[in-house]
């Protein structure tokens, strides 16, 4: 499992769209597996779950991206990738997870 946490500024919709298009356009095997959006008053949260094939690991990896903003405050991003290991009881490699998360790092 690989994790990226950042604080962003600017427009919430801009970042959400940039992340969606950037991840989907960054890999021929990338897919948007699920979305969730909700708000309460001035607070807003969006969750996106992406998946792609990892050539290094020979399997599929997922990337969960969460954006949160309260009013005009900063936008908090939390991204976690997982699924890059082929081992039964412990992780042998996490190359695919790191590579997927690197796509998001490049977008930011």
N, C-alpha and C. Protein backbone atom coordinates (compact mmCIF):
# COMPACT_ATOMS: atom_id res chain seq x y z
N UNK A 1 0.85 -1.16 0.00
CA UNK A 1 0.00 0.00 0.00
C UNK A 1 0.90 1.23 0.00
N UNK A 2 0.57 2.18 -0.86
CA UNK A 2 1.29 3.44 -0.94
C UNK A 2 0.30 4.58 -0.71
N UNK A 3 0.75 5.62 -0.03
CA UNK A 3 -0.13 6.71 0.36
C UNK A 3 0.45 8.06 -0.02
N UNK A 4 -0.42 8.96 -0.44
CA UNK A 4 -0.05 10.34 -0.75
C UNK A 4 -1.08 11.25 -0.11
N UNK A 5 -0.62 12.24 0.65
CA UNK A 5 -1.50 13.21 1.29
C UNK A 5 -0.99 14.60 0.91
N UNK A 6 -1.89 15.46 0.44
CA UNK A 6 -1.52 16.81 0.02
C UNK A 6 -2.63 17.79 0.40
N UNK A 7 -2.25 19.03 0.52
CA UNK A 7 -3.19 20.13 0.68
C UNK A 7 -3.11 20.97 -0.58
N UNK A 8 -4.25 21.21 -1.21
CA UNK A 8 -4.32 21.93 -2.48
C UNK A 8 -5.09 23.24 -2.30
N UNK A 9 -4.87 24.15 -3.21
CA UNK A 9 -5.66 25.37 -3.22
C UNK A 9 -6.29 25.52 -4.61
N UNK A 10 -7.29 26.35 -4.68
CA UNK A 10 -7.95 26.55 -5.96
C UNK A 10 -9.36 26.01 -5.95
N UNK A 11 -9.84 25.69 -7.14
CA UNK A 11 -11.22 25.25 -7.34
C UNK A 11 -11.35 23.74 -7.19
N UNK A 12 -12.27 23.31 -6.36
CA UNK A 12 -12.52 21.89 -6.09
C UNK A 12 -12.82 21.13 -7.39
N UNK A 13 -13.74 21.67 -8.20
CA UNK A 13 -14.13 21.00 -9.44
C UNK A 13 -12.97 20.88 -10.41
N UNK A 14 -12.12 21.90 -10.46
CA UNK A 14 -10.94 21.85 -11.32
C UNK A 14 -10.06 20.67 -10.95
N UNK A 15 -9.75 20.53 -9.67
CA UNK A 15 -8.87 19.43 -9.23
C UNK A 15 -9.51 18.07 -9.47
N UNK A 16 -10.79 17.96 -9.18
CA UNK A 16 -11.48 16.68 -9.38
C UNK A 16 -11.45 16.27 -10.85
N UNK A 17 -11.75 17.19 -11.73
CA UNK A 17 -11.72 16.91 -13.17
C UNK A 17 -10.32 16.60 -13.65
N UNK A 18 -9.34 17.37 -13.19
CA UNK A 18 -7.94 17.14 -13.59
C UNK A 18 -7.47 15.75 -13.17
N UNK A 19 -7.83 15.33 -11.97
CA UNK A 19 -7.44 14.01 -11.48
C UNK A 19 -8.13 12.91 -12.29
N UNK A 20 -9.44 13.03 -12.50
CA UNK A 20 -10.17 12.01 -13.26
C UNK A 20 -9.59 11.84 -14.66
N UNK A 21 -9.46 12.93 -15.40
CA UNK A 21 -8.96 12.84 -16.77
C UNK A 21 -7.48 12.45 -16.81
N UNK A 22 -6.71 12.93 -15.86
CA UNK A 22 -5.29 12.61 -15.83
C UNK A 22 -5.01 11.14 -15.56
N UNK A 23 -5.73 10.57 -14.61
CA UNK A 23 -5.54 9.14 -14.29
C UNK A 23 -6.06 8.28 -15.44
N UNK A 24 -7.23 8.61 -15.95
CA UNK A 24 -7.80 7.82 -17.04
C UNK A 24 -6.95 7.92 -18.31
N UNK A 25 -6.36 9.08 -18.56
CA UNK A 25 -5.55 9.26 -19.75
C UNK A 25 -4.12 8.79 -19.59
N UNK A 26 -3.73 8.44 -18.36
CA UNK A 26 -2.36 8.05 -18.10
C UNK A 26 -2.05 6.59 -18.33
N UNK A 27 -3.07 5.79 -18.59
CA UNK A 27 -2.86 4.36 -18.79
C UNK A 27 -3.99 3.80 -19.65
N UNK A 28 -3.64 2.99 -20.62
CA UNK A 28 -4.65 2.41 -21.50
C UNK A 28 -5.57 1.45 -20.74
N UNK A 29 -5.07 0.88 -19.64
CA UNK A 29 -5.88 -0.09 -18.89
C UNK A 29 -6.60 0.53 -17.70
N UNK A 30 -6.47 1.85 -17.48
CA UNK A 30 -7.10 2.50 -16.34
C UNK A 30 -8.62 2.58 -16.52
N UNK A 31 -9.32 2.37 -15.42
CA UNK A 31 -10.78 2.49 -15.43
C UNK A 31 -11.23 3.15 -14.14
N UNK A 32 -12.33 3.87 -14.21
CA UNK A 32 -12.95 4.47 -13.04
C UNK A 32 -13.97 3.47 -12.53
N UNK A 33 -13.68 2.88 -11.38
CA UNK A 33 -14.51 1.78 -10.87
C UNK A 33 -15.67 2.25 -10.00
N UNK A 34 -15.51 3.40 -9.35
CA UNK A 34 -16.58 3.85 -8.49
C UNK A 34 -16.41 5.30 -8.10
N UNK A 35 -17.53 5.97 -7.83
CA UNK A 35 -17.51 7.36 -7.41
C UNK A 35 -18.49 7.56 -6.26
N UNK A 36 -18.18 8.56 -5.44
CA UNK A 36 -19.09 8.94 -4.36
C UNK A 36 -18.89 10.43 -4.10
N UNK A 37 -19.97 11.18 -4.08
CA UNK A 37 -19.93 12.62 -3.84
C UNK A 37 -20.99 12.98 -2.82
N UNK A 38 -20.60 13.77 -1.83
CA UNK A 38 -21.59 14.24 -0.88
C UNK A 38 -21.16 15.57 -0.29
N UNK A 39 -22.14 16.29 0.24
CA UNK A 39 -21.87 17.58 0.86
C UNK A 39 -22.80 17.77 2.05
N UNK A 40 -22.38 18.65 2.94
CA UNK A 40 -23.19 19.00 4.10
C UNK A 40 -22.87 20.46 4.41
N UNK A 41 -23.83 21.32 4.16
CA UNK A 41 -23.56 22.74 4.33
C UNK A 41 -22.50 23.17 3.33
N UNK A 42 -21.43 23.76 3.83
CA UNK A 42 -20.34 24.21 2.98
C UNK A 42 -19.25 23.16 2.79
N UNK A 43 -19.38 22.02 3.43
CA UNK A 43 -18.37 20.96 3.31
C UNK A 43 -18.70 20.06 2.13
N UNK A 44 -17.65 19.62 1.44
CA UNK A 44 -17.82 18.79 0.25
C UNK A 44 -16.75 17.70 0.24
N UNK A 45 -17.15 16.51 -0.18
CA UNK A 45 -16.22 15.38 -0.25
C UNK A 45 -16.51 14.55 -1.50
N UNK A 46 -15.45 14.19 -2.21
CA UNK A 46 -15.57 13.33 -3.40
C UNK A 46 -14.56 12.20 -3.29
N UNK A 47 -15.02 11.00 -3.61
CA UNK A 47 -14.16 9.81 -3.58
C UNK A 47 -14.18 9.19 -4.97
N UNK A 48 -13.00 8.83 -5.47
CA UNK A 48 -12.87 8.16 -6.76
C UNK A 48 -12.00 6.92 -6.57
N UNK A 49 -12.44 5.82 -7.16
CA UNK A 49 -11.66 4.58 -7.11
C UNK A 49 -11.33 4.19 -8.55
N UNK A 50 -10.03 4.14 -8.83
CA UNK A 50 -9.52 3.77 -10.14
C UNK A 50 -8.85 2.41 -10.06
N UNK A 51 -8.76 1.75 -11.20
CA UNK A 51 -8.07 0.47 -11.28
C UNK A 51 -7.31 0.42 -12.59
N UNK A 52 -6.17 -0.28 -12.59
CA UNK A 52 -5.41 -0.47 -13.83
C UNK A 52 -4.58 -1.73 -13.70
N UNK A 53 -4.14 -2.21 -14.84
CA UNK A 53 -3.28 -3.39 -14.88
C UNK A 53 -1.84 -2.96 -14.63
N UNK A 54 -1.14 -3.70 -13.79
CA UNK A 54 0.27 -3.44 -13.50
C UNK A 54 1.13 -4.47 -14.24
N UNK A 55 1.89 -4.01 -15.20
CA UNK A 55 2.76 -4.91 -15.95
C UNK A 55 3.88 -5.47 -15.07
N UNK A 56 4.37 -4.64 -14.14
CA UNK A 56 5.43 -5.10 -13.24
C UNK A 56 4.97 -6.27 -12.38
N UNK A 57 3.78 -6.13 -11.81
CA UNK A 57 3.28 -7.17 -10.90
C UNK A 57 2.46 -8.24 -11.59
N UNK A 58 2.04 -7.98 -12.81
CA UNK A 58 1.20 -8.95 -13.51
C UNK A 58 -0.19 -9.07 -12.90
N UNK A 59 -0.69 -7.98 -12.33
CA UNK A 59 -2.01 -8.01 -11.70
C UNK A 59 -2.63 -6.61 -11.78
N UNK A 60 -3.79 -6.45 -11.19
CA UNK A 60 -4.46 -5.15 -11.20
C UNK A 60 -4.22 -4.46 -9.87
N UNK A 61 -4.09 -3.14 -9.93
CA UNK A 61 -3.92 -2.33 -8.72
C UNK A 61 -5.02 -1.28 -8.69
N UNK A 62 -5.35 -0.83 -7.49
CA UNK A 62 -6.40 0.17 -7.36
C UNK A 62 -5.81 1.44 -6.74
N UNK A 63 -6.48 2.54 -7.02
CA UNK A 63 -6.10 3.84 -6.47
C UNK A 63 -7.37 4.52 -5.97
N UNK A 64 -7.42 4.81 -4.68
CA UNK A 64 -8.54 5.50 -4.07
C UNK A 64 -8.12 6.94 -3.82
N UNK A 65 -8.86 7.90 -4.37
CA UNK A 65 -8.56 9.32 -4.22
C UNK A 65 -9.74 9.99 -3.54
N UNK A 66 -9.46 10.69 -2.44
CA UNK A 66 -10.49 11.43 -1.71
C UNK A 66 -10.11 12.89 -1.67
N UNK A 67 -11.05 13.76 -2.04
CA UNK A 67 -10.89 15.20 -1.93
C UNK A 67 -11.93 15.72 -0.93
N UNK A 68 -11.49 16.62 -0.04
CA UNK A 68 -12.39 17.20 0.95
C UNK A 68 -12.12 18.69 1.06
N UNK A 69 -13.20 19.48 1.12
CA UNK A 69 -13.08 20.92 1.31
C UNK A 69 -14.23 21.41 2.16
N UNK A 70 -13.93 22.29 3.10
CA UNK A 70 -14.95 22.91 3.92
C UNK A 70 -15.00 24.39 3.57
N UNK A 71 -16.09 24.81 2.94
CA UNK A 71 -16.24 26.20 2.53
C UNK A 71 -15.19 26.60 1.51
N UNK A 72 -14.54 27.73 1.76
CA UNK A 72 -13.48 28.21 0.88
C UNK A 72 -12.10 27.80 1.39
N UNK A 73 -12.05 26.89 2.33
CA UNK A 73 -10.79 26.46 2.92
C UNK A 73 -9.97 25.63 1.95
N UNK A 74 -8.84 25.14 2.43
CA UNK A 74 -7.98 24.32 1.57
C UNK A 74 -8.67 23.02 1.17
N UNK A 75 -8.21 22.45 0.09
CA UNK A 75 -8.71 21.16 -0.39
C UNK A 75 -7.72 20.10 0.09
N UNK A 76 -8.22 19.14 0.81
CA UNK A 76 -7.38 18.06 1.32
C UNK A 76 -7.52 16.85 0.41
N UNK A 77 -6.39 16.30 0.02
CA UNK A 77 -6.36 15.13 -0.85
C UNK A 77 -5.70 13.98 -0.11
N UNK A 78 -6.32 12.83 -0.16
CA UNK A 78 -5.74 11.61 0.37
C UNK A 78 -5.87 10.55 -0.73
N UNK A 79 -4.74 9.95 -1.10
CA UNK A 79 -4.74 8.92 -2.14
C UNK A 79 -4.02 7.68 -1.63
N UNK A 80 -4.64 6.53 -1.82
CA UNK A 80 -4.07 5.27 -1.36
C UNK A 80 -4.18 4.25 -2.49
N UNK A 81 -3.05 3.67 -2.85
CA UNK A 81 -3.06 2.61 -3.87
C UNK A 81 -2.82 1.29 -3.18
N UNK A 82 -3.37 0.22 -3.75
CA UNK A 82 -3.20 -1.11 -3.16
C UNK A 82 -3.41 -2.18 -4.21
N UNK A 83 -3.06 -3.40 -3.84
CA UNK A 83 -3.30 -4.55 -4.71
C UNK A 83 -2.13 -4.96 -5.55
N UNK A 84 -0.95 -4.40 -5.32
CA UNK A 84 0.19 -4.67 -6.19
C UNK A 84 1.00 -5.90 -5.84
N UNK A 85 0.61 -6.64 -4.83
CA UNK A 85 1.41 -7.79 -4.42
C UNK A 85 0.76 -9.09 -4.87
N UNK A 86 1.59 -10.09 -5.10
CA UNK A 86 1.09 -11.41 -5.47
C UNK A 86 1.25 -12.42 -4.36
N UNK A 87 1.82 -12.02 -3.24
CA UNK A 87 2.08 -12.95 -2.14
C UNK A 87 0.79 -13.28 -1.39
N UNK A 88 0.80 -14.41 -0.72
CA UNK A 88 -0.37 -14.85 0.02
C UNK A 88 -0.45 -14.21 1.40
N UNK A 89 0.67 -14.13 2.12
CA UNK A 89 0.64 -13.65 3.49
C UNK A 89 1.35 -12.32 3.72
N UNK A 90 2.21 -11.87 2.81
CA UNK A 90 2.91 -10.61 2.96
C UNK A 90 3.21 -10.04 1.58
N UNK A 91 3.56 -8.77 1.54
CA UNK A 91 3.80 -8.13 0.25
C UNK A 91 5.21 -8.40 -0.25
N UNK A 92 5.29 -8.89 -1.47
CA UNK A 92 6.59 -9.13 -2.11
C UNK A 92 7.04 -7.88 -2.85
N UNK A 93 6.15 -7.26 -3.59
CA UNK A 93 6.50 -6.04 -4.31
C UNK A 93 5.34 -5.06 -4.25
N UNK A 94 5.69 -3.80 -4.35
CA UNK A 94 4.67 -2.75 -4.40
C UNK A 94 4.94 -1.81 -5.56
N UNK A 95 5.69 -2.27 -6.56
CA UNK A 95 6.03 -1.43 -7.71
C UNK A 95 4.79 -0.89 -8.42
N UNK A 96 3.82 -1.75 -8.64
CA UNK A 96 2.61 -1.32 -9.34
C UNK A 96 1.85 -0.27 -8.57
N UNK A 97 1.80 -0.42 -7.24
CA UNK A 97 1.11 0.56 -6.40
C UNK A 97 1.81 1.91 -6.45
N UNK A 98 3.12 1.90 -6.32
CA UNK A 98 3.90 3.14 -6.36
C UNK A 98 3.79 3.81 -7.73
N UNK A 99 3.84 3.02 -8.79
CA UNK A 99 3.76 3.57 -10.15
C UNK A 99 2.40 4.23 -10.38
N UNK A 100 1.33 3.63 -9.87
CA UNK A 100 0.00 4.20 -10.03
C UNK A 100 -0.09 5.53 -9.27
N UNK A 101 0.45 5.55 -8.06
CA UNK A 101 0.43 6.76 -7.26
C UNK A 101 1.33 7.84 -7.88
N UNK A 102 2.39 7.44 -8.55
CA UNK A 102 3.27 8.40 -9.23
C UNK A 102 2.54 9.16 -10.34
N UNK A 103 1.58 8.52 -10.99
CA UNK A 103 0.77 9.21 -12.00
C UNK A 103 0.04 10.39 -11.37
N UNK A 104 -0.51 10.17 -10.18
CA UNK A 104 -1.22 11.24 -9.47
C UNK A 104 -0.23 12.31 -9.02
N UNK A 105 0.92 11.91 -8.50
CA UNK A 105 1.95 12.89 -8.10
C UNK A 105 2.30 13.81 -9.26
N UNK A 106 2.45 13.23 -10.44
CA UNK A 106 2.79 14.03 -11.62
C UNK A 106 1.69 15.04 -11.96
N UNK A 107 0.44 14.67 -11.74
CA UNK A 107 -0.68 15.58 -12.03
C UNK A 107 -0.71 16.77 -11.08
N UNK A 108 -0.29 16.52 -9.86
CA UNK A 108 -0.38 17.57 -8.84
C UNK A 108 0.76 18.56 -8.98
